[in-house]
Amino acid sequence: MVHFEDARALILVDAVDLGAEPGTLRAFSLDEVTEAPGGTPFSLHDLGVMPMLRLARKLQRCPPVVRFVGVQPERFDQGDRLTPAVEAAVPKAVDMVMQELQRLTG
């Protein structure tokens, strides 16, 4: 939490199980995830991101704006290469992050 507690915003990019076709991208807010029935409707790559952000929010150390850009992987195994569908989505993911930054900074 120390690494982002003074930030005005946080954008996380990761593989997310959206239940969609590989390479599908989606941007969403922390509230969209935490207010979903059952907690989290999809995996955030099993990195424990959500518990950390929930704790940061309770301790009032969470940035006021938290956004996610998620890409649907073909599989969730460990590897050092992106699958073709995910690799093809990278430029679009960069565009989404840039749009989020533009929206946040006006």
PDB file of N, CA and C in Angstrom:
ATOM      1  N   MET A   1       0.814  -1.193   0.000  1.00  0.00           N
ATOM      2  CA  MET A   1       0.000   0.000   0.000  1.00  0.00           C
ATOM      3  C   MET A   1       0.856   1.255   0.000  1.00  0.00           C
ATOM      4  N   VAL A   2       2.036   1.162   0.541  1.00  0.00           N
ATOM      5  CA  VAL A   2       2.912   2.315   0.618  1.00  0.00           C
ATOM      6  C   VAL A   2       3.199   2.874  -0.771  1.00  0.00           C
ATOM      7  N   HIS A   3       3.210   2.031  -1.779  1.00  0.00           N
ATOM      8  CA  HIS A   3       3.591   2.456  -3.118  1.00  0.00           C
ATOM      9  C   HIS A   3       2.537   3.298  -3.818  1.00  0.00           C
ATOM     10  N   PHE A   4       1.308   3.280  -3.348  1.00  0.00           N
ATOM     11  CA  PHE A   4       0.283   4.062  -4.031  1.00  0.00           C
ATOM     12  C   PHE A   4      -0.593   4.885  -3.111  1.00  0.00           C
ATOM     13  N   GLU A   5      -0.307   4.921  -1.840  1.00  0.00           N
ATOM     14  CA  GLU A   5      -1.214   5.610  -0.917  1.00  0.00           C
ATOM     15  C   GLU A   5      -1.297   7.116  -1.150  1.00  0.00           C
ATOM     16  N   ASP A   6      -0.284   7.732  -1.737  1.00  0.00           N
ATOM     17  CA  ASP A   6      -0.327   9.167  -2.012  1.00  0.00           C
ATOM     18  C   ASP A   6      -0.755   9.483  -3.447  1.00  0.00           C
ATOM     19  N   ALA A   7      -1.062   8.452  -4.206  1.00  0.00           N
ATOM     20  CA  ALA A   7      -1.456   8.654  -5.603  1.00  0.00           C
ATOM     21  C   ALA A   7      -2.865   9.219  -5.693  1.00  0.00           C
ATOM     22  N   ARG A   8      -3.111  10.000  -6.729  1.00  0.00           N
ATOM     23  CA  ARG A   8      -4.465  10.512  -6.975  1.00  0.00           C
ATOM     24  C   ARG A   8      -5.312   9.483  -7.704  1.00  0.00           C
ATOM     25  N   ALA A   9      -4.639   8.578  -8.416  1.00  0.00           N
ATOM     26  CA  ALA A   9      -5.358   7.542  -9.158  1.00  0.00           C
ATOM     27  C   ALA A   9      -4.439   6.340  -9.355  1.00  0.00           C
ATOM     28  N   LEU A  10      -5.059   5.200  -9.596  1.00  0.00           N
ATOM     29  CA  LEU A  10      -4.329   3.957  -9.821  1.00  0.00           C
ATOM     30  C   LEU A  10      -5.006   3.233 -10.975  1.00  0.00           C
ATOM     31  N   ILE A  11      -4.218   2.847 -11.975  1.00  0.00           N
ATOM     32  CA  ILE A  11      -4.733   2.051 -13.086  1.00  0.00           C
ATOM     33  C   ILE A  11      -3.961   0.742 -13.097  1.00  0.00           C
ATOM     34  N   LEU A  12      -4.678  -0.362 -12.970  1.00  0.00           N
ATOM     35  CA  LEU A  12      -4.081  -1.692 -12.983  1.00  0.00           C
ATOM     36  C   LEU A  12      -4.431  -2.369 -14.299  1.00  0.00           C
ATOM     37  N   VAL A  13      -3.445  -3.015 -14.904  1.00  0.00           N
ATOM     38  CA  VAL A  13      -3.650  -3.743 -16.152  1.00  0.00           C
ATOM     39  C   VAL A  13      -3.236  -5.181 -15.905  1.00  0.00           C
ATOM     40  N   ASP A  14      -4.141  -6.122 -16.220  1.00  0.00           N
ATOM     41  CA  ASP A  14      -3.820  -7.522 -15.953  1.00  0.00           C
ATOM     42  C   ASP A  14      -4.747  -8.431 -16.735  1.00  0.00           C
ATOM     43  N   ALA A  15      -4.406  -9.702 -16.719  1.00  0.00           N
ATOM     44  CA  ALA A  15      -5.284 -10.726 -17.266  1.00  0.00           C
ATOM     45  C   ALA A  15      -6.454 -10.895 -16.309  1.00  0.00           C
ATOM     46  N   VAL A  16      -7.652 -10.921 -16.861  1.00  0.00           N
ATOM     47  CA  VAL A  16      -8.868 -11.018 -16.054  1.00  0.00           C
ATOM     48  C   VAL A  16      -9.807 -12.012 -16.723  1.00  0.00           C
ATOM     49  N   ASP A  17     -10.383 -12.903 -15.924  1.00  0.00           N
ATOM     50  CA  ASP A  17     -11.348 -13.847 -16.472  1.00  0.00           C
ATOM     51  C   ASP A  17     -12.690 -13.151 -16.613  1.00  0.00           C
ATOM     52  N   LEU A  18     -12.953 -12.668 -17.807  1.00  0.00           N
ATOM     53  CA  LEU A  18     -14.193 -11.954 -18.106  1.00  0.00           C
ATOM     54  C   LEU A  18     -15.271 -12.894 -18.628  1.00  0.00           C
ATOM     55  N   GLY A  19     -14.893 -14.156 -18.848  1.00  0.00           N
ATOM     56  CA  GLY A  19     -15.826 -15.088 -19.459  1.00  0.00           C
ATOM     57  C   GLY A  19     -16.090 -14.726 -20.911  1.00  0.00           C
ATOM     58  N   ALA A  20     -15.090 -14.156 -21.576  1.00  0.00           N
ATOM     59  CA  ALA A  20     -15.247 -13.657 -22.943  1.00  0.00           C
ATOM     60  C   ALA A  20     -14.211 -14.315 -23.854  1.00  0.00           C
ATOM     61  N   GLU A  21     -14.240 -13.937 -25.103  1.00  0.00           N
ATOM     62  CA  GLU A  21     -13.272 -14.436 -26.075  1.00  0.00           C
ATOM     63  C   GLU A  21     -11.868 -13.935 -25.715  1.00  0.00           C
ATOM     64  N   PRO A  22     -10.826 -14.766 -25.902  1.00  0.00           N
ATOM     65  CA  PRO A  22      -9.464 -14.313 -25.640  1.00  0.00           C
ATOM     66  C   PRO A  22      -9.147 -13.026 -26.401  1.00  0.00           C
ATOM     67  N   GLY A  23      -8.492 -12.110 -25.712  1.00  0.00           N
ATOM     68  CA  GLY A  23      -8.142 -10.818 -26.290  1.00  0.00           C
ATOM     69  C   GLY A  23      -9.168  -9.732 -26.032  1.00  0.00           C
ATOM     70  N   THR A  24     -10.329 -10.114 -25.480  1.00  0.00           N
ATOM     71  CA  THR A  24     -11.351  -9.119 -25.151  1.00  0.00           C
ATOM     72  C   THR A  24     -10.833  -8.208 -24.049  1.00  0.00           C
ATOM     73  N   LEU A  25     -11.057  -6.917 -24.194  1.00  0.00           N
ATOM     74  CA  LEU A  25     -10.632  -5.926 -23.205  1.00  0.00           C
ATOM     75  C   LEU A  25     -11.845  -5.311 -22.534  1.00  0.00           C
ATOM     76  N   ARG A  26     -11.655  -4.946 -21.271  1.00  0.00           N
ATOM     77  CA  ARG A  26     -12.718  -4.249 -20.551  1.00  0.00           C
ATOM     78  C   ARG A  26     -12.080  -3.341 -19.509  1.00  0.00           C
ATOM     79  N   ALA A  27     -12.578  -2.123 -19.411  1.00  0.00           N
ATOM     80  CA  ALA A  27     -12.163  -1.195 -18.356  1.00  0.00           C
ATOM     81  C   ALA A  27     -13.289  -1.130 -17.340  1.00  0.00           C
ATOM     82  N   PHE A  28     -12.922  -1.112 -16.062  1.00  0.00           N
ATOM     83  CA  PHE A  28     -13.926  -1.042 -15.011  1.00  0.00           C
ATOM     84  C   PHE A  28     -13.321  -0.427 -13.768  1.00  0.00           C
ATOM     85  N   SER A  29     -14.188   0.000 -12.866  1.00  0.00           N
ATOM     86  CA  SER A  29     -13.753   0.678 -11.645  1.00  0.00           C
ATOM     87  C   SER A  29     -13.701  -0.292 -10.473  1.00  0.00           C
ATOM     88  N   LEU A  30     -13.067   0.141  -9.413  1.00  0.00           N
ATOM     89  CA  LEU A  30     -13.029  -0.653  -8.190  1.00  0.00           C
ATOM     90  C   LEU A  30     -14.434  -0.867  -7.658  1.00  0.00           C
ATOM     91  N   ASP A  31     -15.272   0.154  -7.739  1.00  0.00           N
ATOM     92  CA  ASP A  31     -16.650   0.016  -7.265  1.00  0.00           C
ATOM     93  C   ASP A  31     -17.418  -1.033  -8.051  1.00  0.00           C
ATOM     94  N   GLU A  32     -17.187  -1.121  -9.350  1.00  0.00           N
ATOM     95  CA  GLU A  32     -17.868  -2.136 -10.157  1.00  0.00           C
ATOM     96  C   GLU A  32     -17.505  -3.540  -9.693  1.00  0.00           C
ATOM     97  N   VAL A  33     -16.291  -3.721  -9.220  1.00  0.00           N
ATOM     98  CA  VAL A  33     -15.851  -5.031  -8.745  1.00  0.00           C
ATOM     99  C   VAL A  33     -16.364  -5.290  -7.340  1.00  0.00           C
ATOM    100  N   THR A  34     -16.190  -4.334  -6.439  1.00  0.00           N
ATOM    101  CA  THR A  34     -16.546  -4.566  -5.037  1.00  0.00           C
ATOM    102  C   THR A  34     -18.039  -4.601  -4.810  1.00  0.00           C
ATOM    103  N   GLU A  35     -18.823  -3.971  -5.690  1.00  0.00           N
ATOM    104  CA  GLU A  35     -20.269  -3.971  -5.522  1.00  0.00           C
ATOM    105  C   GLU A  35     -20.950  -5.112  -6.262  1.00  0.00           C
ATOM    106  N   ALA A  36     -20.178  -5.931  -6.963  1.00  0.00           N
ATOM    107  CA  ALA A  36     -20.764  -7.051  -7.699  1.00  0.00           C
ATOM    108  C   ALA A  36     -21.269  -8.101  -6.719  1.00  0.00           C
ATOM    109  N   PRO A  37     -22.396  -8.742  -7.024  1.00  0.00           N
ATOM    110  CA  PRO A  37     -22.897  -9.805  -6.150  1.00  0.00           C
ATOM    111  C   PRO A  37     -21.837 -10.888  -5.991  1.00  0.00           C
ATOM    112  N   GLY A  38     -21.585 -11.290  -4.773  1.00  0.00           N
ATOM    113  CA  GLY A  38     -20.587 -12.321  -4.523  1.00  0.00           C
ATOM    114  C   GLY A  38     -19.171 -11.798  -4.479  1.00  0.00           C
ATOM    115  N   GLY A  39     -18.990 -10.495  -4.528  1.00  0.00           N
ATOM    116  CA  GLY A  39     -17.652  -9.927  -4.387  1.00  0.00           C
ATOM    117  C   GLY A  39     -16.984  -9.632  -5.701  1.00  0.00           C
ATOM    118  N   THR A  40     -16.427 -10.634  -6.346  1.00  0.00           N
ATOM    119  CA  THR A  40     -15.710 -10.430  -7.592  1.00  0.00           C
ATOM    120  C   THR A  40     -16.266 -11.378  -8.637  1.00  0.00           C
ATOM    121  N   PRO A  41     -16.826 -10.855  -9.715  1.00  0.00           N
ATOM    122  CA  PRO A  41     -17.416 -11.723 -10.722  1.00  0.00           C
ATOM    123  C   PRO A  41     -16.395 -12.387 -11.627  1.00  0.00           C
ATOM    124  N   PHE A  42     -15.136 -12.043 -11.457  1.00  0.00           N
ATOM    125  CA  PHE A  42     -14.091 -12.614 -12.287  1.00  0.00           C
ATOM    126  C   PHE A  42     -12.792 -12.593 -11.510  1.00  0.00           C
ATOM    127  N   SER A  43     -11.860 -13.377 -11.949  1.00  0.00           N
ATOM    128  CA  SER A  43     -10.560 -13.449 -11.295  1.00  0.00           C
ATOM    129  C   SER A  43      -9.700 -12.281 -11.737  1.00  0.00           C
ATOM    130  N   LEU A  44      -8.967 -11.714 -10.817  1.00  0.00           N
ATOM    131  CA  LEU A  44      -7.964 -10.710 -11.168  1.00  0.00           C
ATOM    132  C   LEU A  44      -6.591 -11.366 -11.123  1.00  0.00           C
ATOM    133  N   HIS A  45      -6.483 -12.494 -11.828  1.00  0.00           N
ATOM    134  CA  HIS A  45      -5.222 -13.208 -11.988  1.00  0.00           C
ATOM    135  C   HIS A  45      -4.716 -13.804 -10.681  1.00  0.00           C
ATOM    136  N   ASP A  46      -5.603 -13.941  -9.717  1.00  0.00           N
ATOM    137  CA  ASP A  46      -5.286 -14.586  -8.445  1.00  0.00           C
ATOM    138  C   ASP A  46      -4.072 -13.979  -7.744  1.00  0.00           C
ATOM    139  N   LEU A  47      -3.902 -12.688  -7.836  1.00  0.00           N
ATOM    140  CA  LEU A  47      -2.751 -12.033  -7.213  1.00  0.00           C
ATOM    141  C   LEU A  47      -3.086 -11.375  -5.879  1.00  0.00           C
ATOM    142  N   GLY A  48      -4.304 -11.532  -5.411  1.00  0.00           N
ATOM    143  CA  GLY A  48      -4.673 -10.917  -4.151  1.00  0.00           C
ATOM    144  C   GLY A  48      -4.844  -9.416  -4.250  1.00  0.00           C
ATOM    145  N   VAL A  49      -5.112  -8.911  -5.437  1.00  0.00           N
ATOM    146  CA  VAL A  49      -5.264  -7.468  -5.644  1.00  0.00           C
ATOM    147  C   VAL A  49      -6.483  -6.940  -4.896  1.00  0.00           C
ATOM    148  N   MET A  50      -7.600  -7.633  -5.017  1.00  0.00           N
ATOM    149  CA  MET A  50      -8.835  -7.137  -4.404  1.00  0.00           C
ATOM    150  C   MET A  50      -8.753  -7.065  -2.880  1.00  0.00           C
ATOM    151  N   PRO A  51      -8.264  -8.099  -2.194  1.00  0.00           N
ATOM    152  CA  PRO A  51      -8.139  -7.953  -0.735  1.00  0.00           C
ATOM    153  C   PRO A  51      -7.238  -6.788  -0.334  1.00  0.00           C
ATOM    154  N   MET A  52      -6.152  -6.583  -1.080  1.00  0.00           N
ATOM    155  CA  MET A  52      -5.249  -5.475  -0.783  1.00  0.00           C
ATOM    156  C   MET A  52      -5.957  -4.132  -0.966  1.00  0.00           C
ATOM    157  N   LEU A  53      -6.711  -3.988  -2.057  1.00  0.00           N
ATOM    158  CA  LEU A  53      -7.408  -2.724  -2.304  1.00  0.00           C
ATOM    159  C   LEU A  53      -8.539  -2.498  -1.306  1.00  0.00           C
ATOM    160  N   ARG A  54      -9.237  -3.560  -0.929  1.00  0.00           N
ATOM    161  CA  ARG A  54     -10.294  -3.415   0.084  1.00  0.00           C
ATOM    162  C   ARG A  54      -9.694  -2.957   1.415  1.00  0.00           C
ATOM    163  N   LEU A  55      -8.562  -3.548   1.799  1.00  0.00           N
ATOM    164  CA  LEU A  55      -7.897  -3.144   3.039  1.00  0.00           C
ATOM    165  C   LEU A  55      -7.417  -1.699   2.935  1.00  0.00           C
ATOM    166  N   ALA A  56      -6.824  -1.340   1.813  1.00  0.00           N
ATOM    167  CA  ALA A  56      -6.360   0.043   1.627  1.00  0.00           C
ATOM    168  C   ALA A  56      -7.526   1.011   1.745  1.00  0.00           C
ATOM    169  N   ARG A  57      -8.668   0.632   1.197  1.00  0.00           N
ATOM    170  CA  ARG A  57      -9.852   1.496   1.271  1.00  0.00           C
ATOM    171  C   ARG A  57     -10.318   1.635   2.719  1.00  0.00           C
ATOM    172  N   LYS A  58     -10.351   0.533   3.459  1.00  0.00           N
ATOM    173  CA  LYS A  58     -10.769   0.589   4.869  1.00  0.00           C
ATOM    174  C   LYS A  58      -9.825   1.447   5.695  1.00  0.00           C
ATOM    175  N   LEU A  59      -8.540   1.389   5.365  1.00  0.00           N
ATOM    176  CA  LEU A  59      -7.537   2.177   6.089  1.00  0.00           C
ATOM    177  C   LEU A  59      -7.409   3.600   5.538  1.00  0.00           C
ATOM    178  N   GLN A  60      -8.246   3.935   4.580  1.00  0.00           N
ATOM    179  CA  GLN A  60      -8.236   5.249   3.927  1.00  0.00           C
ATOM    180  C   GLN A  60      -6.879   5.557   3.293  1.00  0.00           C
ATOM    181  N   ARG A  61      -6.290   4.535   2.697  1.00  0.00           N
ATOM    182  CA  ARG A  61      -5.011   4.695   2.008  1.00  0.00           C
ATOM    183  C   ARG A  61      -5.108   4.337   0.531  1.00  0.00           C
ATOM    184  N   CYS A  62      -6.311   4.196   0.068  1.00  0.00           N
ATOM    185  CA  CYS A  62      -6.548   3.848  -1.330  1.00  0.00           C
ATOM    186  C   CYS A  62      -6.697   5.135  -2.139  1.00  0.00           C
ATOM    187  N   PRO A  63      -6.104   5.197  -3.316  1.00  0.00           N
ATOM    188  CA  PRO A  63      -6.324   6.384  -4.150  1.00  0.00           C
ATOM    189  C   PRO A  63      -7.818   6.591  -4.387  1.00  0.00           C
ATOM    190  N   PRO A  64      -8.243   7.817  -4.565  1.00  0.00           N
ATOM    191  CA  PRO A  64      -9.669   8.080  -4.762  1.00  0.00           C
ATOM    192  C   PRO A  64     -10.226   7.451  -6.036  1.00  0.00           C
ATOM    193  N   VAL A  65      -9.376   7.243  -7.023  1.00  0.00           N
ATOM    194  CA  VAL A  65      -9.811   6.636  -8.282  1.00  0.00           C
ATOM    195  C   VAL A  65      -8.974   5.389  -8.536  1.00  0.00           C
ATOM    196  N   VAL A  66      -9.646   4.254  -8.690  1.00  0.00           N
ATOM    197  CA  VAL A  66      -8.973   3.007  -9.052  1.00  0.00           C
ATOM    198  C   VAL A  66      -9.697   2.448 -10.270  1.00  0.00           C
ATOM    199  N   ARG A  67      -8.945   2.238 -11.335  1.00  0.00           N
ATOM    200  CA  ARG A  67      -9.500   1.689 -12.573  1.00  0.00           C
ATOM    201  C   ARG A  67      -8.698   0.452 -12.964  1.00  0.00           C
ATOM    202  N   PHE A  68      -9.374  -0.468 -13.604  1.00  0.00           N
ATOM    203  CA  PHE A  68      -8.746  -1.684 -14.111  1.00  0.00           C
ATOM    204  C   PHE A  68      -8.906  -1.719 -15.621  1.00  0.00           C
ATOM    205  N   VAL A  69      -7.899  -2.212 -16.299  1.00  0.00           N
ATOM    206  CA  VAL A  69      -8.022  -2.583 -17.705  1.00  0.00           C
ATOM    207  C   VAL A  69      -7.672  -4.060 -17.738  1.00  0.00           C
ATOM    208  N   GLY A  70      -8.659  -4.870 -18.064  1.00  0.00           N
ATOM    209  CA  GLY A  70      -8.471  -6.314 -18.063  1.00  0.00           C
ATOM    210  C   GLY A  70      -8.529  -6.882 -19.462  1.00  0.00           C
ATOM    211  N   VAL A  71      -7.707  -7.887 -19.700  1.00  0.00           N
ATOM    212  CA  VAL A  71      -7.723  -8.602 -20.973  1.00  0.00           C
ATOM    213  C   VAL A  71      -8.028 -10.067 -20.690  1.00  0.00           C
ATOM    214  N   GLN A  72      -8.923 -10.630 -21.456  1.00  0.00           N
ATOM    215  CA  GLN A  72      -9.272 -12.036 -21.324  1.00  0.00           C
ATOM    216  C   GLN A  72      -8.151 -12.878 -21.937  1.00  0.00           C
ATOM    217  N   PRO A  73      -7.477 -13.707 -21.118  1.00  0.00           N
ATOM    218  CA  PRO A  73      -6.434 -14.577 -21.668  1.00  0.00           C
ATOM    219  C   PRO A  73      -7.044 -15.842 -22.274  1.00  0.00           C
ATOM    220  N   GLU A  74      -6.234 -16.546 -23.048  1.00  0.00           N
ATOM    221  CA  GLU A  74      -6.664 -17.857 -23.536  1.00  0.00           C
ATOM    222  C   GLU A  74      -6.571 -18.872 -22.412  1.00  0.00           C
ATOM    223  N   ARG A  75      -5.586 -18.685 -21.550  1.00  0.00           N
ATOM    224  CA  ARG A  75      -5.395 -19.581 -20.400  1.00  0.00           C
ATOM    225  C   ARG A  75      -4.679 -18.793 -19.302  1.00  0.00           C
ATOM    226  N   PHE A  76      -4.740 -19.310 -18.091  1.00  0.00           N
ATOM    227  CA  PHE A  76      -4.143 -18.622 -16.948  1.00  0.00           C
ATOM    228  C   PHE A  76      -2.874 -19.292 -16.448  1.00  0.00           C
ATOM    229  N   ASP A  77      -2.222 -20.080 -17.261  1.00  0.00           N
ATOM    230  CA  ASP A  77      -0.997 -20.725 -16.796  1.00  0.00           C
ATOM    231  C   ASP A  77       0.167 -19.739 -16.856  1.00  0.00           C
ATOM    232  N   GLN A  78       1.230 -20.084 -16.154  1.00  0.00           N
ATOM    233  CA  GLN A  78       2.420 -19.235 -16.143  1.00  0.00           C
ATOM    234  C   GLN A  78       3.183 -19.428 -17.442  1.00  0.00           C
ATOM    235  N   GLY A  79       3.732 -18.375 -17.936  1.00  0.00           N
ATOM    236  CA  GLY A  79       4.527 -18.456 -19.150  1.00  0.00           C
ATOM    237  C   GLY A  79       5.195 -17.131 -19.420  1.00  0.00           C
ATOM    238  N   ASP A  80       6.157 -17.171 -20.310  1.00  0.00           N
ATOM    239  CA  ASP A  80       6.883 -15.937 -20.599  1.00  0.00           C
ATOM    240  C   ASP A  80       6.483 -15.325 -21.940  1.00  0.00           C
ATOM    241  N   ARG A  81       5.455 -15.892 -22.571  1.00  0.00           N
ATOM    242  CA  ARG A  81       4.997 -15.364 -23.854  1.00  0.00           C
ATOM    243  C   ARG A  81       3.496 -15.132 -23.827  1.00  0.00           C
ATOM    244  N   LEU A  82       3.090 -14.093 -24.513  1.00  0.00           N
ATOM    245  CA  LEU A  82       1.666 -13.826 -24.673  1.00  0.00           C
ATOM    246  C   LEU A  82       1.125 -14.697 -25.799  1.00  0.00           C
ATOM    247  N   THR A  83      -0.107 -15.123 -25.655  1.00  0.00           N
ATOM    248  CA  THR A  83      -0.745 -15.844 -26.752  1.00  0.00           C
ATOM    249  C   THR A  83      -1.054 -14.836 -27.863  1.00  0.00           C
ATOM    250  N   PRO A  84      -1.253 -15.297 -29.090  1.00  0.00           N
ATOM    251  CA  PRO A  84      -1.522 -14.358 -30.189  1.00  0.00           C
ATOM    252  C   PRO A  84      -2.713 -13.428 -29.932  1.00  0.00           C
ATOM    253  N   ALA A  85      -3.785 -13.943 -29.347  1.00  0.00           N
ATOM    254  CA  ALA A  85      -4.967 -13.098 -29.094  1.00  0.00           C
ATOM    255  C   ALA A  85      -4.659 -11.993 -28.091  1.00  0.00           C
ATOM    256  N   VAL A  86      -3.909 -12.327 -27.058  1.00  0.00           N
ATOM    257  CA  VAL A  86      -3.565 -11.326 -26.040  1.00  0.00           C
ATOM    258  C   VAL A  86      -2.544 -10.341 -26.605  1.00  0.00           C
ATOM    259  N   GLU A  87      -1.576 -10.845 -27.342  1.00  0.00           N
ATOM    260  CA  GLU A  87      -0.590  -9.947 -27.955  1.00  0.00           C
ATOM    261  C   GLU A  87      -1.265  -8.949 -28.897  1.00  0.00           C
ATOM    262  N   ALA A  88      -2.252  -9.415 -29.642  1.00  0.00           N
ATOM    263  CA  ALA A  88      -2.980  -8.526 -30.551  1.00  0.00           C
ATOM    264  C   ALA A  88      -3.770  -7.466 -29.791  1.00  0.00           C
ATOM    265  N   ALA A  89      -4.142  -7.750 -28.544  1.00  0.00           N
ATOM    266  CA  ALA A  89      -4.929  -6.812 -27.737  1.00  0.00           C
ATOM    267  C   ALA A  89      -4.071  -5.748 -27.054  1.00  0.00           C
ATOM    268  N   VAL A  90      -2.756  -5.942 -27.003  1.00  0.00           N
ATOM    269  CA  VAL A  90      -1.884  -5.013 -26.270  1.00  0.00           C
ATOM    270  C   VAL A  90      -2.013  -3.571 -26.773  1.00  0.00           C
ATOM    271  N   PRO A  91      -1.946  -3.298 -28.072  1.00  0.00           N
ATOM    272  CA  PRO A  91      -2.091  -1.896 -28.504  1.00  0.00           C
ATOM    273  C   PRO A  91      -3.434  -1.286 -28.088  1.00  0.00           C
ATOM    274  N   LYS A  92      -4.489  -2.076 -28.145  1.00  0.00           N
ATOM    275  CA  LYS A  92      -5.803  -1.579 -27.719  1.00  0.00           C
ATOM    276  C   LYS A  92      -5.811  -1.323 -26.213  1.00  0.00           C
ATOM    277  N   ALA A  93      -5.122  -2.179 -25.450  1.00  0.00           N
ATOM    278  CA  ALA A  93      -5.040  -1.976 -23.998  1.00  0.00           C
ATOM    279  C   ALA A  93      -4.282  -0.687 -23.689  1.00  0.00           C
ATOM    280  N   VAL A  94      -3.206  -0.437 -24.421  1.00  0.00           N
ATOM    281  CA  VAL A  94      -2.451   0.814 -24.246  1.00  0.00           C
ATOM    282  C   VAL A  94      -3.353   2.007 -24.548  1.00  0.00           C
ATOM    283  N   ASP A  95      -4.137   1.912 -25.619  1.00  0.00           N
ATOM    284  CA  ASP A  95      -5.078   2.990 -25.944  1.00  0.00           C
ATOM    285  C   ASP A  95      -6.080   3.205 -24.816  1.00  0.00           C
ATOM    286  N   MET A  96      -6.571   2.114 -24.233  1.00  0.00           N
ATOM    287  CA  MET A  96      -7.537   2.236 -23.134  1.00  0.00           C
ATOM    288  C   MET A  96      -6.902   2.920 -21.929  1.00  0.00           C
ATOM    289  N   VAL A  97      -5.659   2.558 -21.613  1.00  0.00           N
ATOM    290  CA  VAL A  97      -4.963   3.198 -20.493  1.00  0.00           C
ATOM    291  C   VAL A  97      -4.776   4.683 -20.789  1.00  0.00           C
ATOM    292  N   MET A  98      -4.389   5.007 -22.003  1.00  0.00           N
ATOM    293  CA  MET A  98      -4.204   6.416 -22.368  1.00  0.00           C
ATOM    294  C   MET A  98      -5.523   7.180 -22.278  1.00  0.00           C
ATOM    295  N   GLN A  99      -6.620   6.553 -22.686  1.00  0.00           N
ATOM    296  CA  GLN A  99      -7.936   7.193 -22.566  1.00  0.00           C
ATOM    297  C   GLN A  99      -8.298   7.417 -21.102  1.00  0.00           C
ATOM    298  N   GLU A 100      -7.999   6.437 -20.254  1.00  0.00           N
ATOM    299  CA  GLU A 100      -8.266   6.590 -18.819  1.00  0.00           C
ATOM    300  C   GLU A 100      -7.438   7.741 -18.253  1.00  0.00           C
ATOM    301  N   LEU A 101      -6.164   7.807 -18.632  1.00  0.00           N
ATOM    302  CA  LEU A 101      -5.305   8.900 -18.155  1.00  0.00           C
ATOM    303  C   LEU A 101      -5.822  10.251 -18.627  1.00  0.00           C
ATOM    304  N   GLN A 102      -6.235  10.316 -19.873  1.00  0.00           N
ATOM    305  CA  GLN A 102      -6.784  11.565 -20.411  1.00  0.00           C
ATOM    306  C   GLN A 102      -8.043  11.962 -19.650  1.00  0.00           C
ATOM    307  N   ARG A 103      -8.905  10.984 -19.393  1.00  0.00           N
ATOM    308  CA  ARG A 103     -10.147  11.253 -18.663  1.00  0.00           C
ATOM    309  C   ARG A 103      -9.839  11.747 -17.249  1.00  0.00           C
ATOM    310  N   LEU A 104      -8.826  11.170 -16.621  1.00  0.00           N
ATOM    311  CA  LEU A 104      -8.485  11.535 -15.246  1.00  0.00           C
ATOM    312  C   LEU A 104      -7.794  12.890 -15.146  1.00  0.00           C
ATOM    313  N   THR A 105      -7.027  13.227 -16.172  1.00  0.00           N
ATOM    314  CA  THR A 105      -6.255  14.470 -16.099  1.00  0.00           C
ATOM    315  C   THR A 105      -6.907  15.616 -16.858  1.00  0.00           C
ATOM    316  N   GLY A 106      -7.934  15.290 -17.648  1.00  0.00           N
ATOM    317  CA  GLY A 106      -8.679  16.319 -18.376  1.00  0.00           C
ATOM    318  C   GLY A 106      -7.871  16.942 -19.426  1.00  0.00           C
TER     319      GLY A 106
END
